[in-house]
N, C-alpha and C. Protein backbone atom coordinates (compact mmCIF):
# COMPACT_ATOMS: atom_id res chain seq x y z
N UNK A 1 140.68 224.92 -11.06
CA UNK A 1 140.92 225.15 -9.72
C UNK A 1 141.97 226.35 -9.52
N UNK A 2 141.78 227.23 -8.47
CA UNK A 2 142.70 228.21 -8.15
C UNK A 2 143.78 227.79 -7.39
N UNK A 3 144.81 228.62 -7.19
CA UNK A 3 145.88 228.35 -6.30
C UNK A 3 146.67 229.61 -5.83
N UNK A 4 147.44 229.55 -4.79
CA UNK A 4 148.03 230.68 -4.25
C UNK A 4 149.59 230.52 -4.51
N UNK A 5 150.15 231.74 -4.87
CA UNK A 5 151.67 231.81 -4.75
C UNK A 5 151.84 232.55 -3.50
N UNK A 6 152.90 232.10 -2.78
CA UNK A 6 153.26 232.61 -1.45
C UNK A 6 154.66 232.65 -1.19
N UNK A 7 155.10 233.48 -0.28
CA UNK A 7 156.54 233.73 0.12
C UNK A 7 156.58 233.51 1.62
N UNK A 8 157.45 232.68 2.08
CA UNK A 8 157.66 232.53 3.54
C UNK A 8 159.09 233.01 3.83
N UNK A 9 159.35 233.50 5.14
CA UNK A 9 160.71 233.94 5.54
C UNK A 9 160.67 233.60 7.01
N UNK A 10 162.08 233.87 7.57
CA UNK A 10 162.23 233.72 8.94
C UNK A 10 162.36 235.02 9.72
N UNK A 11 162.52 236.06 8.88
CA UNK A 11 162.66 237.42 9.57
C UNK A 11 162.72 238.51 8.37
N UNK A 12 162.50 239.74 8.65
CA UNK A 12 162.65 240.79 7.72
C UNK A 12 164.02 240.70 6.99
N UNK A 13 163.92 240.73 5.71
CA UNK A 13 165.18 240.57 4.93
C UNK A 13 165.88 239.23 5.01
N UNK A 14 165.11 238.33 5.56
CA UNK A 14 165.80 236.92 5.79
C UNK A 14 165.82 236.08 4.55
N UNK A 15 165.96 234.72 4.79
CA UNK A 15 165.80 233.84 3.79
C UNK A 15 164.48 233.77 3.23
N UNK A 16 164.30 233.56 1.90
CA UNK A 16 163.04 233.47 1.27
C UNK A 16 162.74 232.19 0.68
N UNK A 17 161.46 231.77 0.74
CA UNK A 17 161.02 230.55 0.06
C UNK A 17 159.82 230.97 -0.69
N UNK A 18 159.72 230.58 -2.03
CA UNK A 18 158.50 230.79 -2.86
C UNK A 18 157.84 229.49 -3.10
N UNK A 19 156.54 229.33 -2.91
CA UNK A 19 155.67 228.20 -3.04
C UNK A 19 154.43 228.47 -3.69
N UNK A 20 153.78 227.26 -4.09
CA UNK A 20 152.41 227.30 -4.52
C UNK A 20 151.65 226.34 -3.91
N UNK A 21 150.27 226.60 -3.54
CA UNK A 21 149.45 225.61 -2.96
C UNK A 21 147.95 225.94 -3.29
N UNK A 22 147.11 225.02 -3.23
CA UNK A 22 145.68 225.30 -3.40
C UNK A 22 144.96 225.57 -2.11
N UNK A 23 145.72 225.29 -0.98
CA UNK A 23 145.12 225.48 0.34
C UNK A 23 146.14 226.32 1.23
N UNK A 24 146.13 227.56 1.11
CA UNK A 24 147.15 228.52 1.67
C UNK A 24 147.01 228.43 3.21
N UNK A 25 145.94 228.39 3.95
CA UNK A 25 145.94 228.39 5.32
C UNK A 25 146.63 227.07 5.89
N UNK A 26 146.19 225.92 5.21
CA UNK A 26 146.82 224.67 5.71
C UNK A 26 148.41 224.71 5.35
N UNK A 27 148.71 225.10 4.13
CA UNK A 27 150.16 224.95 3.84
C UNK A 27 151.01 226.06 4.72
N UNK A 28 150.46 227.15 5.03
CA UNK A 28 151.19 228.08 5.89
C UNK A 28 151.28 227.55 7.27
N UNK A 29 150.28 226.83 7.76
CA UNK A 29 150.28 226.18 9.05
C UNK A 29 151.45 225.06 9.10
N UNK A 30 151.47 224.26 7.99
CA UNK A 30 152.52 223.26 7.99
C UNK A 30 153.85 223.88 8.00
N UNK A 31 154.12 224.99 7.34
CA UNK A 31 155.43 225.65 7.42
C UNK A 31 155.75 226.10 8.88
N UNK A 32 154.71 226.75 9.39
CA UNK A 32 154.83 227.33 10.76
C UNK A 32 155.32 226.20 11.88
N UNK A 33 154.45 225.02 11.76
CA UNK A 33 154.60 223.96 12.71
C UNK A 33 155.75 223.04 12.37
N UNK A 34 156.47 223.21 11.16
CA UNK A 34 157.60 222.38 10.78
C UNK A 34 157.27 220.92 10.59
N UNK A 35 155.97 220.70 10.05
CA UNK A 35 155.55 219.25 10.02
C UNK A 35 156.08 218.65 8.69
N UNK A 36 156.55 219.36 7.77
CA UNK A 36 157.13 218.88 6.48
C UNK A 36 158.65 219.05 6.45
N UNK A 37 159.35 217.97 6.43
CA UNK A 37 160.92 218.12 6.31
C UNK A 37 161.25 218.79 5.00
N UNK A 38 162.17 219.66 5.09
CA UNK A 38 162.56 220.39 3.86
C UNK A 38 163.21 221.73 4.05
N UNK A 39 163.38 222.56 3.07
CA UNK A 39 163.97 223.81 3.11
C UNK A 39 163.38 224.70 4.11
N UNK A 40 162.06 224.87 4.23
CA UNK A 40 161.51 225.77 5.25
C UNK A 40 161.66 225.34 6.68
N UNK A 41 161.65 224.09 6.84
CA UNK A 41 161.90 223.54 8.26
C UNK A 41 163.44 223.77 8.61
N UNK A 42 164.29 223.53 7.75
CA UNK A 42 165.79 223.56 7.89
C UNK A 42 166.06 225.07 8.33
N UNK A 43 165.61 225.93 7.62
CA UNK A 43 165.87 227.42 7.77
C UNK A 43 164.92 228.13 8.70
N UNK A 44 163.94 227.41 9.25
CA UNK A 44 163.00 228.08 10.18
C UNK A 44 162.09 229.15 9.42
N UNK A 45 161.69 228.95 8.34
CA UNK A 45 160.86 229.96 7.61
C UNK A 45 159.35 229.68 8.04
N UNK A 46 158.84 230.51 8.96
CA UNK A 46 157.59 230.37 9.50
C UNK A 46 156.75 231.56 9.29
N UNK A 47 157.26 232.67 8.78
CA UNK A 47 156.50 233.91 8.65
C UNK A 47 155.99 234.00 7.18
N UNK A 48 154.67 234.07 6.96
CA UNK A 48 154.07 234.33 5.53
C UNK A 48 154.05 235.73 5.32
N UNK A 49 154.89 236.29 4.40
CA UNK A 49 154.90 237.72 4.23
C UNK A 49 154.30 238.14 2.78
N UNK A 50 153.94 237.22 1.94
CA UNK A 50 153.41 237.53 0.65
C UNK A 50 152.51 236.43 0.17
N UNK A 51 151.44 236.82 -0.58
CA UNK A 51 150.54 235.82 -1.20
C UNK A 51 149.74 236.52 -2.20
N UNK A 52 149.56 235.74 -3.27
CA UNK A 52 148.65 236.29 -4.37
C UNK A 52 147.83 235.06 -4.93
N UNK A 53 146.53 235.17 -5.27
CA UNK A 53 145.75 234.33 -5.75
C UNK A 53 145.65 234.22 -7.37
N UNK A 54 145.64 232.91 -7.93
CA UNK A 54 145.56 232.83 -9.33
C UNK A 54 144.28 231.86 -9.62
N UNK A 55 143.47 232.18 -10.48
CA UNK A 55 142.35 231.40 -10.84
C UNK A 55 142.56 230.01 -11.43
N UNK A 56 143.88 229.97 -11.91
CA UNK A 56 144.17 228.66 -12.49
C UNK A 56 145.53 228.23 -12.06
N UNK A 57 145.46 226.93 -11.47
CA UNK A 57 146.75 226.33 -10.98
C UNK A 57 148.01 226.44 -11.88
N UNK A 58 147.71 226.24 -13.13
CA UNK A 58 148.89 226.25 -14.09
C UNK A 58 149.52 227.78 -14.12
N UNK A 59 148.60 228.80 -14.03
CA UNK A 59 149.17 230.12 -14.03
C UNK A 59 149.94 230.36 -12.68
N UNK A 60 149.36 229.85 -11.58
CA UNK A 60 150.16 229.95 -10.40
C UNK A 60 151.55 229.35 -10.40
N UNK A 61 151.63 228.16 -10.93
CA UNK A 61 152.85 227.40 -11.15
C UNK A 61 153.85 228.18 -12.00
N UNK A 62 153.22 228.78 -13.11
CA UNK A 62 154.26 229.49 -13.99
C UNK A 62 154.69 230.73 -13.27
N UNK A 63 153.76 231.48 -12.51
CA UNK A 63 154.27 232.61 -11.74
C UNK A 63 155.32 232.21 -10.68
N UNK A 64 155.15 231.00 -10.06
CA UNK A 64 156.17 230.56 -9.14
C UNK A 64 157.42 230.41 -9.77
N UNK A 65 157.43 229.72 -10.93
CA UNK A 65 158.69 229.45 -11.56
C UNK A 65 159.36 230.78 -12.03
N UNK A 66 158.53 231.71 -12.46
CA UNK A 66 159.05 233.11 -12.77
C UNK A 66 159.76 233.71 -11.66
N UNK A 67 159.03 233.77 -10.52
CA UNK A 67 159.45 234.52 -9.18
C UNK A 67 160.63 233.93 -8.73
N UNK A 68 160.80 232.53 -8.72
CA UNK A 68 161.91 231.71 -8.22
C UNK A 68 163.09 232.14 -8.87
N UNK A 69 163.06 232.54 -10.22
CA UNK A 69 164.24 232.90 -10.95
C UNK A 69 164.55 234.41 -10.98
N UNK A 70 163.69 235.23 -10.29
CA UNK A 70 163.97 236.63 -10.17
C UNK A 70 165.15 236.87 -9.29
N UNK A 71 165.90 237.93 -9.44
CA UNK A 71 166.94 238.35 -8.54
C UNK A 71 166.28 238.67 -7.21
N UNK A 72 166.92 238.41 -6.01
CA UNK A 72 166.41 238.59 -4.74
C UNK A 72 165.82 239.97 -4.58
N UNK A 73 166.47 241.06 -5.08
CA UNK A 73 166.01 242.45 -4.95
C UNK A 73 164.54 242.54 -5.55
N UNK A 74 164.10 241.90 -6.50
CA UNK A 74 162.84 241.80 -7.01
C UNK A 74 161.81 241.23 -6.06
N UNK A 75 162.20 240.09 -5.56
CA UNK A 75 161.39 239.47 -4.57
C UNK A 75 161.13 240.35 -3.33
N UNK A 76 162.16 240.96 -2.92
CA UNK A 76 161.89 241.94 -1.75
C UNK A 76 161.13 243.03 -2.17
N UNK A 77 161.20 243.61 -3.33
CA UNK A 77 160.25 244.70 -3.84
C UNK A 77 158.91 244.32 -3.83
N UNK A 78 158.67 243.02 -4.39
CA UNK A 78 157.31 242.48 -4.30
C UNK A 78 156.63 242.40 -2.98
N UNK A 79 157.53 241.95 -2.03
CA UNK A 79 157.03 241.93 -0.61
C UNK A 79 156.75 243.36 -0.09
N UNK A 80 157.59 244.24 -0.40
CA UNK A 80 157.42 245.52 0.20
C UNK A 80 156.26 246.33 -0.35
N UNK A 81 155.76 246.02 -1.60
CA UNK A 81 154.65 246.66 -2.22
C UNK A 81 153.50 246.53 -1.29
N UNK A 82 153.10 245.34 -0.68
CA UNK A 82 152.01 245.02 0.07
C UNK A 82 152.27 244.95 1.51
N UNK A 83 153.44 244.63 1.95
CA UNK A 83 153.85 244.36 3.27
C UNK A 83 155.21 245.02 3.71
N UNK A 84 155.23 246.29 3.73
CA UNK A 84 156.56 246.87 3.92
C UNK A 84 157.27 246.66 5.27
N UNK A 85 156.45 246.12 6.34
CA UNK A 85 157.07 245.83 7.58
C UNK A 85 157.23 244.30 7.61
N UNK A 86 157.04 243.53 6.78
CA UNK A 86 157.29 242.14 6.76
C UNK A 86 156.47 241.47 7.77
N UNK A 87 155.20 242.06 8.01
CA UNK A 87 154.42 241.45 9.12
C UNK A 87 153.99 239.88 8.57
N UNK A 88 153.72 239.11 9.60
CA UNK A 88 153.40 237.73 9.36
C UNK A 88 151.86 237.81 9.06
N UNK A 89 151.51 237.40 7.76
CA UNK A 89 150.13 237.56 7.28
C UNK A 89 149.19 236.33 7.58
N UNK A 90 149.85 235.36 8.32
CA UNK A 90 149.02 234.20 8.51
C UNK A 90 147.66 234.53 9.26
N UNK A 91 147.62 235.37 10.24
CA UNK A 91 146.37 235.57 10.88
C UNK A 91 145.40 236.19 10.08
N UNK A 92 145.92 236.83 9.03
CA UNK A 92 144.76 237.28 8.05
C UNK A 92 144.14 236.34 7.17
N UNK A 93 144.56 235.12 7.26
CA UNK A 93 143.94 234.12 6.52
C UNK A 93 142.61 233.55 7.05
N UNK A 94 142.34 233.79 8.25
CA UNK A 94 141.27 233.28 8.91
C UNK A 94 139.96 233.80 8.51
């Protein structure tokens, strides 16, 4: 089963959240609507700014662990590679 690594934020250069899910549209919607109590709801992280697909859930979880331990500058560089304007990518999931 495949899975998605994704990054949510509240604004350009704002607070970052790195997560993994097998259903990216649903999970991004949950963050946007604030239906799950936690970090993203507390900090208003509703903008999906980065995602990448992995064929294996274990690989996605390992990548999540690695990215979470990266310095902030590396995460920002990752976002800038594909999304330099920090656009909300949620609409592209449809």
